[in-house]
Protein backbone atom coordinates (compact mmCIF):
# COMPACT_ATOMS: atom_id res chain seq x y z
CA UNK A 1 4.04 -9.90 21.01
CA UNK A 2 6.12 -8.87 23.56
CA UNK A 3 8.39 -5.75 23.25
CA UNK A 4 11.93 -6.16 24.08
CA UNK A 5 13.73 -3.36 25.55
CA UNK A 6 17.64 -3.35 24.64
CA UNK A 7 19.53 -0.81 26.42
CA UNK A 8 16.78 1.67 26.12
CA UNK A 9 15.72 0.57 22.29
CA UNK A 10 12.54 -0.97 22.13
CA UNK A 11 12.12 -3.82 19.76
CA UNK A 12 8.67 -4.97 18.77
CA UNK A 13 5.48 -4.61 16.74
CA UNK A 14 4.57 -0.92 17.91
CA UNK A 15 8.66 0.14 16.89
CA UNK A 16 10.03 0.94 13.81
CA UNK A 17 12.46 -1.93 12.25
CA UNK A 18 15.45 -1.46 14.01
CA UNK A 19 18.44 -2.02 11.66
CA UNK A 20 21.82 -4.12 12.88
CA UNK A 21 25.01 -3.14 11.18
CA UNK A 22 27.89 -5.35 11.44
CA UNK A 23 31.37 -5.05 12.47
CA UNK A 24 34.00 -7.87 11.95
CA UNK A 25 37.33 -7.66 13.92
CA UNK A 26 38.20 -11.11 12.63
CA UNK A 27 40.65 -11.25 9.56
CA UNK A 28 38.67 -14.40 8.04
CA UNK A 29 35.26 -12.89 7.92
CA UNK A 30 34.12 -13.26 4.44
CA UNK A 31 32.68 -9.55 3.74
CA UNK A 32 35.69 -7.58 3.36
CA UNK A 33 33.90 -3.97 3.85
CA UNK A 34 33.10 -4.69 7.33
CA UNK A 35 36.28 -6.33 8.47
CA UNK A 36 38.90 -4.35 10.64
CA UNK A 37 41.40 -5.19 13.09
CA UNK A 38 42.62 -2.09 14.20
CA UNK A 39 40.39 -0.34 16.85
CA UNK A 40 40.75 3.53 15.30
CA UNK A 41 39.66 2.25 11.91
CA UNK A 42 37.07 0.25 13.16
CA UNK A 43 35.69 3.07 15.01
CA UNK A 44 35.62 5.30 12.13
CA UNK A 45 33.82 2.76 10.13
CA UNK A 46 31.24 2.18 12.95
CA UNK A 47 30.64 5.69 13.05
CA UNK A 48 30.39 6.68 9.42
CA UNK A 49 29.41 3.72 7.77
CA UNK A 50 26.72 2.42 10.48
CA UNK A 51 25.90 4.63 13.01
CA UNK A 52 25.49 8.02 10.69
CA UNK A 53 23.99 5.97 7.98
CA UNK A 54 21.13 4.71 10.55
CA UNK A 55 22.09 1.75 12.50
CA UNK A 56 20.38 1.43 15.52
CA UNK A 57 22.57 -1.62 16.81
CA UNK A 58 26.06 -2.33 16.04
CA UNK A 59 26.96 -6.08 16.38
CA UNK A 60 30.43 -6.91 16.73
CA UNK A 61 31.79 -10.43 15.39
CA UNK A 62 34.80 -11.83 16.75
CA UNK A 63 35.30 -14.71 14.35
CA UNK A 64 34.02 -15.83 11.30
CA UNK A 65 31.00 -18.25 11.34
CA UNK A 66 31.90 -19.56 8.02
CA UNK A 67 31.69 -23.29 8.11
CA UNK A 68 35.03 -23.61 5.93
CA UNK A 69 37.14 -21.88 9.01
CA UNK A 70 37.99 -23.55 12.46
CA UNK A 71 36.01 -22.54 15.39
CA UNK A 72 37.71 -20.48 17.94
CA UNK A 73 37.22 -21.63 21.50
CA UNK A 74 36.48 -19.05 24.25
CA UNK A 75 39.78 -18.27 25.13
CA UNK A 76 40.38 -17.24 21.48
CA UNK A 77 37.49 -15.20 21.10
CA UNK A 78 38.71 -13.28 24.33
CA UNK A 79 41.90 -12.81 22.97
CA UNK A 80 40.18 -10.48 20.30
CA UNK A 81 37.66 -8.94 22.55
CA UNK A 82 40.13 -6.30 23.66
CA UNK A 83 40.04 -4.87 20.01
CA UNK A 84 36.23 -4.86 20.09
CA UNK A 85 36.17 -3.16 23.66
CA UNK A 86 38.60 -0.52 22.39
CA UNK A 87 36.50 0.06 19.29
CA UNK A 88 33.37 0.59 21.19
CA UNK A 89 35.11 2.87 23.39
CA UNK A 90 36.39 5.10 20.72
CA UNK A 91 33.04 5.39 19.19
CA UNK A 92 31.50 8.66 19.20
CA UNK A 93 28.07 8.09 17.89
CA UNK A 94 25.15 6.74 19.57
CA UNK A 95 23.96 2.73 18.74
CA UNK A 96 23.34 -0.14 21.04
CA UNK A 97 26.51 -2.37 21.10
CA UNK A 98 25.79 -6.33 20.54
CA UNK A 99 28.58 -9.00 20.82
CA UNK A 100 28.25 -11.86 18.72
CA UNK A 101 29.59 -15.12 20.24
CA UNK A 102 28.71 -18.65 21.17
CA UNK A 103 30.25 -18.66 24.55
CA UNK A 104 28.80 -17.13 27.89
CA UNK A 105 32.33 -16.36 29.20
CA UNK A 106 32.67 -14.22 26.06
CA UNK A 107 29.21 -12.65 26.66
CA UNK A 108 29.76 -11.81 30.42
CA UNK A 109 33.17 -10.54 29.54
CA UNK A 110 31.80 -8.01 26.92
CA UNK A 111 28.60 -7.14 29.32
CA UNK A 112 31.10 -6.22 31.83
CA UNK A 113 33.04 -4.17 29.62
CA UNK A 114 30.29 -2.14 28.58
CA UNK A 115 28.42 -4.15 25.81
CA UNK A 116 24.41 -3.81 25.51
CA UNK A 117 23.39 -6.85 24.27
CA UNK A 118 24.47 -10.46 23.04
CA UNK A 119 23.85 -12.08 19.53
CA UNK A 120 24.16 -16.13 20.26
CA UNK A 121 24.68 -17.53 17.01
CA UNK A 122 24.61 -21.01 18.68
CA UNK A 123 21.14 -20.50 19.89
CA UNK A 124 21.90 -21.45 23.82
CA UNK A 125 24.17 -24.48 23.14
CA UNK A 126 26.11 -23.02 26.05
CA UNK A 127 23.50 -23.63 28.74
CA UNK A 128 24.96 -21.18 30.72
CA UNK A 129 24.27 -18.42 28.30
CA UNK A 130 20.56 -17.49 29.42
CA UNK A 131 21.47 -17.28 32.81
CA UNK A 132 24.41 -14.49 32.02
CA UNK A 133 21.88 -12.80 29.64
CA UNK A 134 19.30 -13.07 32.58
CA UNK A 135 21.88 -11.89 35.22
CA UNK A 136 22.73 -8.89 33.00
CA UNK A 137 19.00 -8.22 31.91
CA UNK A 138 19.98 -7.60 28.28
CA UNK A 139 18.55 -8.41 25.19
CA UNK A 140 19.69 -11.59 23.48
CA UNK A 141 19.29 -12.69 19.79
CA UNK A 142 18.97 -16.42 19.60
CA UNK A 143 19.79 -18.03 16.33
CA UNK A 144 18.19 -21.73 15.79
CA UNK A 145 20.87 -23.79 15.94
CA UNK A 146 21.74 -27.59 17.22
CA UNK A 147 22.97 -28.34 20.51
CA UNK A 148 26.62 -28.25 19.30
CA UNK A 149 28.93 -25.12 19.79
CA UNK A 150 30.80 -26.05 16.52
CA UNK A 151 27.82 -26.08 14.24
CA UNK A 152 25.81 -22.92 14.54
CA UNK A 153 22.79 -22.99 12.38
CA UNK A 154 23.19 -26.28 10.99
CA UNK A 155 19.49 -27.14 10.67
CA UNK A 156 17.52 -27.62 7.36
CA UNK A 157 14.18 -28.35 8.06
CA UNK A 158 11.79 -25.38 8.73
CA UNK A 159 10.13 -27.14 11.56
CA UNK A 160 13.22 -28.38 13.45
CA UNK A 161 14.62 -24.83 13.09
CA UNK A 162 11.33 -23.38 14.97
CA UNK A 163 11.89 -26.06 17.62
CA UNK A 164 15.35 -25.53 17.99
CA UNK A 165 14.67 -22.15 19.30
CA UNK A 166 13.37 -23.63 22.57
CA UNK A 167 16.74 -25.19 23.30
CA UNK A 168 17.81 -24.32 26.91
CA UNK A 169 14.60 -22.13 27.27
CA UNK A 170 14.07 -18.20 26.24
CA UNK A 171 14.47 -15.35 28.29
CA UNK A 172 12.35 -12.32 28.75
CA UNK A 173 14.34 -10.66 26.36
CA UNK A 174 14.86 -13.03 23.83
CA UNK A 175 14.60 -12.29 19.97
CA UNK A 176 14.47 -15.14 17.81
CA UNK A 177 16.43 -15.58 14.51
CA UNK A 178 15.76 -18.37 11.99
CA UNK A 179 18.81 -18.89 10.74
CA UNK A 180 19.11 -17.93 7.23
CA UNK A 181 22.18 -18.94 5.18
CA UNK A 182 24.44 -21.96 4.07
CA UNK A 183 25.27 -22.92 7.60
CA UNK A 184 25.66 -26.54 6.90
CA UNK A 185 26.61 -28.57 3.74
CA UNK A 186 23.43 -30.12 3.93
CA UNK A 187 21.30 -26.77 3.91
CA UNK A 188 19.88 -25.69 0.45
CA UNK A 189 18.70 -22.55 -0.88
CA UNK A 190 15.28 -24.27 -0.98
CA UNK A 191 15.34 -24.66 2.54
CA UNK A 192 16.31 -21.21 3.33
CA UNK A 193 13.51 -20.22 0.83
CA UNK A 194 10.78 -22.30 2.38
CA UNK A 195 11.96 -20.53 5.81
CA UNK A 196 11.31 -17.09 4.36
CA UNK A 197 7.89 -18.52 3.04
CA UNK A 198 7.06 -19.52 6.42
CA UNK A 199 8.60 -16.70 8.22
CA UNK A 200 5.24 -15.35 9.77
CA UNK A 201 5.04 -18.78 11.65
CA UNK A 202 8.17 -17.83 13.85
CA UNK A 203 5.68 -14.87 15.23
CA UNK A 204 4.32 -17.80 16.84
CA UNK A 205 6.87 -17.50 19.99
CA UNK A 206 5.42 -13.88 20.61
CA UNK A 207 8.94 -12.55 20.50
CA UNK A 208 10.75 -10.13 18.21
CA UNK A 209 12.56 -11.64 15.15
CA UNK A 210 15.71 -11.04 13.65
CA UNK A 211 16.63 -11.71 10.13
CA UNK A 212 20.02 -11.74 8.53
CA UNK A 213 19.25 -12.12 4.73
CA UNK A 214 21.83 -9.49 3.34
CA UNK A 215 23.27 -10.77 0.13
CA UNK A 216 22.31 -14.39 1.10
CA UNK A 217 22.64 -17.27 -1.55
CA UNK A 218 18.86 -18.24 -1.43
CA UNK A 219 17.95 -14.61 -2.73
CA UNK A 220 20.78 -13.87 -4.87
CA UNK A 221 20.72 -17.21 -6.85
CA UNK A 222 16.98 -16.62 -7.60
CA UNK A 223 18.12 -13.22 -9.82
CA UNK A 224 21.41 -14.93 -11.17
CA UNK A 225 23.56 -12.20 -9.02
CA UNK A 226 27.03 -12.93 -7.29
CA UNK A 227 27.23 -10.96 -3.79
CA UNK A 228 28.47 -7.91 -5.23
CA UNK A 229 25.71 -7.43 -7.12
CA UNK A 230 22.86 -8.73 -4.90
CA UNK A 231 21.96 -5.74 -3.02
CA UNK A 232 19.00 -4.96 -4.99
CA UNK A 233 17.23 -8.51 -4.24
CA UNK A 234 18.37 -7.96 -0.53
CA UNK A 235 16.55 -5.03 -0.28
CA UNK A 236 13.39 -6.30 -2.05
CA UNK A 237 13.36 -9.43 0.51
CA UNK A 238 13.72 -6.75 3.32
CA UNK A 239 10.80 -5.29 2.76
CA UNK A 240 8.82 -8.61 2.28
CA UNK A 241 10.42 -9.80 5.86
CA UNK A 242 9.26 -6.96 7.50
CA UNK A 243 5.62 -7.46 6.28
CA UNK A 244 5.91 -11.03 7.53
CA UNK A 245 7.09 -10.12 10.84
CA UNK A 246 10.84 -9.09 11.21
CA UNK A 247 11.72 -6.48 13.70
CA UNK A 248 15.46 -6.43 13.49
CA UNK A 249 17.53 -6.75 10.21
CA UNK A 250 21.08 -7.33 10.26
CA UNK A 251 22.78 -6.05 7.28
CA UNK A 252 26.17 -4.84 5.87
CA UNK A 253 24.26 -2.14 3.86
CA UNK A 254 22.88 0.21 6.27
CA UNK A 255 21.95 3.14 4.23
CA UNK A 256 20.16 1.05 1.58
CA UNK A 257 18.35 -1.29 4.29
CA UNK A 258 17.06 1.87 6.22
CA UNK A 259 15.28 2.91 2.90
CA UNK A 260 13.95 -0.58 2.55
CA UNK A 261 12.84 -1.01 6.07
CA UNK A 262 10.89 2.31 5.59
CA UNK A 263 8.92 1.17 2.72
CA UNK A 264 8.39 -2.36 5.09
CA UNK A 265 7.34 -0.50 7.83
CA UNK A 266 4.79 1.82 5.94
CA UNK A 267 3.12 -1.00 3.84
CA UNK A 268 2.74 -3.56 6.81
CA UNK A 269 -0.74 -3.65 7.49
CA UNK A 270 -1.69 -2.45 10.95
CA UNK A 271 -3.05 -4.68 13.74
CA UNK A 272 -5.04 -3.77 17.01
CA UNK A 273 -3.11 -4.04 19.92
CA UNK A 274 -4.37 -2.48 23.00
CA UNK A 275 -2.54 -3.60 25.99
CA UNK A 276 -5.13 -1.56 28.19
CA UNK A 277 -7.94 -3.63 27.39
CA UNK A 278 -6.14 -6.86 26.98
CA UNK A 279 -6.50 -7.59 23.21
CA UNK A 280 -4.15 -8.22 20.47
CA UNK A 281 -5.06 -9.01 16.70
CA UNK A 282 -2.58 -11.91 15.41
CA UNK A 283 -1.09 -11.75 12.37
CA UNK A 284 -2.28 -15.05 10.94
CA UNK A 285 -2.51 -15.73 7.22
CA UNK A 286 -2.34 -19.96 7.27
CA UNK A 287 -3.28 -22.69 9.40
CA UNK A 288 0.32 -23.16 9.89
CA UNK A 289 0.56 -19.75 11.36
CA UNK A 290 -2.45 -20.45 13.55
CA UNK A 291 -1.06 -23.53 14.60
CA UNK A 292 2.22 -21.95 16.05
CA UNK A 293 -0.08 -19.75 18.36
CA UNK A 294 -2.25 -22.36 19.60
CA UNK A 295 0.64 -24.50 20.74
CA UNK A 296 2.12 -21.30 22.55
CA UNK A 297 -1.15 -20.66 24.57
CA UNK A 298 -1.49 -24.50 25.12
CA UNK A 299 -5.03 -24.58 23.11
CA UNK A 300 -6.33 -27.33 21.47
CA UNK A 301 -8.09 -26.66 18.28
CA UNK A 302 -8.40 -26.95 14.67
CA UNK A 303 -6.22 -24.20 12.88
CA UNK A 304 -8.25 -24.49 9.66
CA UNK A 305 -11.11 -22.76 11.32
CA UNK A 306 -8.66 -19.56 12.22
CA UNK A 307 -8.23 -18.60 8.58
CA UNK A 308 -10.58 -17.61 5.85
CA UNK A 309 -10.24 -18.16 2.17
CA UNK A 310 -12.16 -16.43 -0.67
CA UNK A 311 -12.71 -18.86 -4.12
CA UNK A 312 -14.24 -17.51 -7.04
CA UNK A 313 -15.71 -20.28 -9.40
CA UNK A 314 -15.80 -19.54 -12.97
CA UNK A 315 -17.77 -21.51 -15.81
CA UNK A 316 -20.23 -23.20 -13.58
CA UNK A 317 -23.25 -25.32 -14.88
CA UNK A 318 -26.52 -24.37 -13.95
CA UNK A 319 -26.67 -28.09 -11.89
CA UNK A 320 -23.22 -27.00 -10.35
CA UNK A 321 -24.57 -23.52 -9.23
CA UNK A 322 -27.67 -25.43 -7.70
CA UNK A 323 -25.58 -27.64 -5.83
CA UNK A 324 -23.18 -24.77 -4.53
CA UNK A 325 -26.48 -23.03 -3.36
CA UNK A 326 -27.37 -25.85 -1.70
CA UNK A 327 -24.15 -26.24 -0.01
CA UNK A 328 -24.24 -22.61 1.36
CA UNK A 329 -27.20 -23.75 3.50
CA UNK A 330 -26.14 -27.06 4.67
CA UNK A 331 -22.61 -26.45 5.66
CA UNK A 332 -22.04 -23.77 8.34
CA UNK A 333 -19.78 -21.14 7.73
CA UNK A 334 -19.70 -21.50 3.94
CA UNK A 335 -21.24 -18.14 2.19
CA UNK A 336 -21.81 -17.82 -1.52
CA UNK A 337 -22.18 -14.75 -3.53
CA UNK A 338 -23.33 -14.96 -6.90
CA UNK A 339 -23.38 -12.07 -9.63
CA UNK A 340 -23.75 -11.73 -13.42
CA UNK A 341 -20.05 -12.06 -13.81
CA UNK A 342 -19.01 -14.86 -11.44
CA UNK A 343 -19.71 -16.57 -8.07
CA UNK A 344 -17.54 -16.02 -4.87
CA UNK A 345 -17.59 -18.66 -2.19
CA UNK A 346 -15.88 -17.96 1.21
CA UNK A 347 -15.61 -19.36 4.47
CA UNK A 348 -12.92 -20.75 6.84
CA UNK A 349 -10.71 -23.26 5.73
CA UNK A 350 -12.20 -25.88 7.50
CA UNK A 351 -15.54 -24.75 6.27
CA UNK A 352 -14.79 -25.24 2.80
CA UNK A 353 -13.00 -28.46 3.46
CA UNK A 354 -16.32 -29.72 4.59
CA UNK A 355 -18.33 -28.23 1.65
CA UNK A 356 -15.72 -30.44 -0.57
CA UNK A 357 -16.49 -33.53 1.17
CA UNK A 358 -20.39 -32.69 0.84
CA UNK A 359 -19.85 -32.24 -3.27
CA UNK A 360 -18.79 -34.24 -6.08
CA UNK A 361 -17.90 -34.27 -9.53
CA UNK A 362 -16.53 -30.99 -10.85
CA UNK A 363 -17.28 -28.97 -7.77
CA UNK A 364 -15.39 -31.23 -5.59
CA UNK A 365 -12.39 -31.19 -7.99
CA UNK A 366 -12.66 -27.30 -7.89
CA UNK A 367 -12.16 -27.47 -3.95
CA UNK A 368 -9.79 -29.83 -4.21
CA UNK A 369 -7.64 -27.59 -6.45
CA UNK A 370 -8.06 -24.84 -4.13
CA UNK A 371 -7.34 -26.28 -0.90
CA UNK A 372 -5.45 -29.65 -1.58
CA UNK A 373 -6.79 -33.08 -0.61
CA UNK A 374 -8.91 -33.60 2.39
CA UNK A 375 -6.16 -34.85 4.57
CA UNK A 376 -3.32 -32.96 3.42
CA UNK A 377 -2.90 -30.31 6.32
CA UNK A 378 -3.63 -32.65 9.18
CA UNK A 379 -1.20 -35.19 7.94
CA UNK A 380 1.36 -32.26 7.68
CA UNK A 381 0.49 -31.40 11.26
CA UNK A 382 1.06 -34.64 12.53
CA UNK A 383 4.63 -34.49 11.07
CA UNK A 384 5.08 -30.68 11.96
CA UNK A 385 5.68 -30.10 8.31
CA UNK A 386 2.84 -27.22 7.97
CA UNK A 387 2.00 -26.01 4.55
CA UNK A 388 2.02 -22.83 3.33
CA UNK A 389 -1.27 -21.56 1.64
CA UNK A 390 -0.94 -21.30 -2.25
CA UNK A 391 -2.05 -18.46 -4.29
CA UNK A 392 -2.98 -20.47 -7.09
CA UNK A 393 -4.27 -24.30 -7.05
CA UNK A 394 -1.44 -26.61 -6.83
CA UNK A 395 -1.98 -28.16 -10.03
CA UNK A 396 -2.71 -25.34 -11.87
CA UNK A 397 -5.82 -26.17 -13.07
CA UNK A 398 -8.17 -23.44 -14.44
CA UNK A 399 -11.87 -22.59 -12.83
CA UNK A 400 -10.87 -21.12 -9.59
CA UNK A 401 -9.08 -18.23 -7.96
CA UNK A 402 -7.58 -17.79 -4.62
CA UNK A 403 -7.99 -14.85 -2.45
CA UNK A 404 -6.75 -14.67 1.21
CA UNK A 405 -7.88 -12.95 4.31
CA UNK A 406 -7.74 -13.57 8.28
CA UNK A 407 -9.90 -13.74 11.20
């Protein structure tokens, strides 16, 4: 995992989660507490409500990205940039200043004026944007989007979101953003929830991840909360997102998000990363996660061999137990551990699936309940619709319990 330097602020696995506070200088922005069009008031808000509360980055938006409003062209954004620049110059606190824009002309003007990084909500739909970011040697957050400057984030399918991040390439200082939120009429809360379920896959790029999930509908609707009541669900999801690989959290609720990030950082498992000897333990928990890393390094292997599972079989008959013991001797990579109170079966997904093919009757049904059908995952791989590993049997059948681990 690459560490990105954003104007001296290190962003990556070995660093604490970075908090990106939000300032909007657009009157049409939907979240009133962060909207200012007078530089003095805006600067006071940045100092008191963002930086003093713990924001590492201040992201300044020039227009609302809400699909209900007309998109400003580059000239329209440039007309508002003076307010953003005057605000930045009036701030007394220390933070990295990010300009949110889709246009390379606006990014260049902002960087010339002293901004430190770019937040491109159209994911390099402007093909000149990556060149500007390289020339200025700045970090850039790249939100997954179609090649259309008027439709930021308007992608629904998780695999399409993942692939969209390659649009017009990646710079050495890119931070990837999987575009949570209702960016298009077609995008549903279920689409966002699947993206969140599979957030760990986005580590496959080997680059830091930014998430913008603050009070988003896909979270608050689970709890039946409106925007004003949605802070608790946002904070719960923040800690979970960090454990799944997020490095930057964009938020309107800085102080509370700082606390949630501390929890996420503390309880994210440590992994080996030794640059001196050239070894890193990857965060791989599903075959889908493994597949992304295999793609990144250009390797051809079965991702189901990269992930282990631990199953508990209960209420086995004597013949089933004998068959299971036999499988452990004939199928490489399958281990059986039996005790007075139960039997554990463990191995890679590939090995357990091989055991499933060699079994019949009740044992076969148990393996299928735990792992899915014999061709499910590879059919999904062929379509690039990877399935997350369930914690419980997909059909809810009794007699098998799942655990998970990684190699």
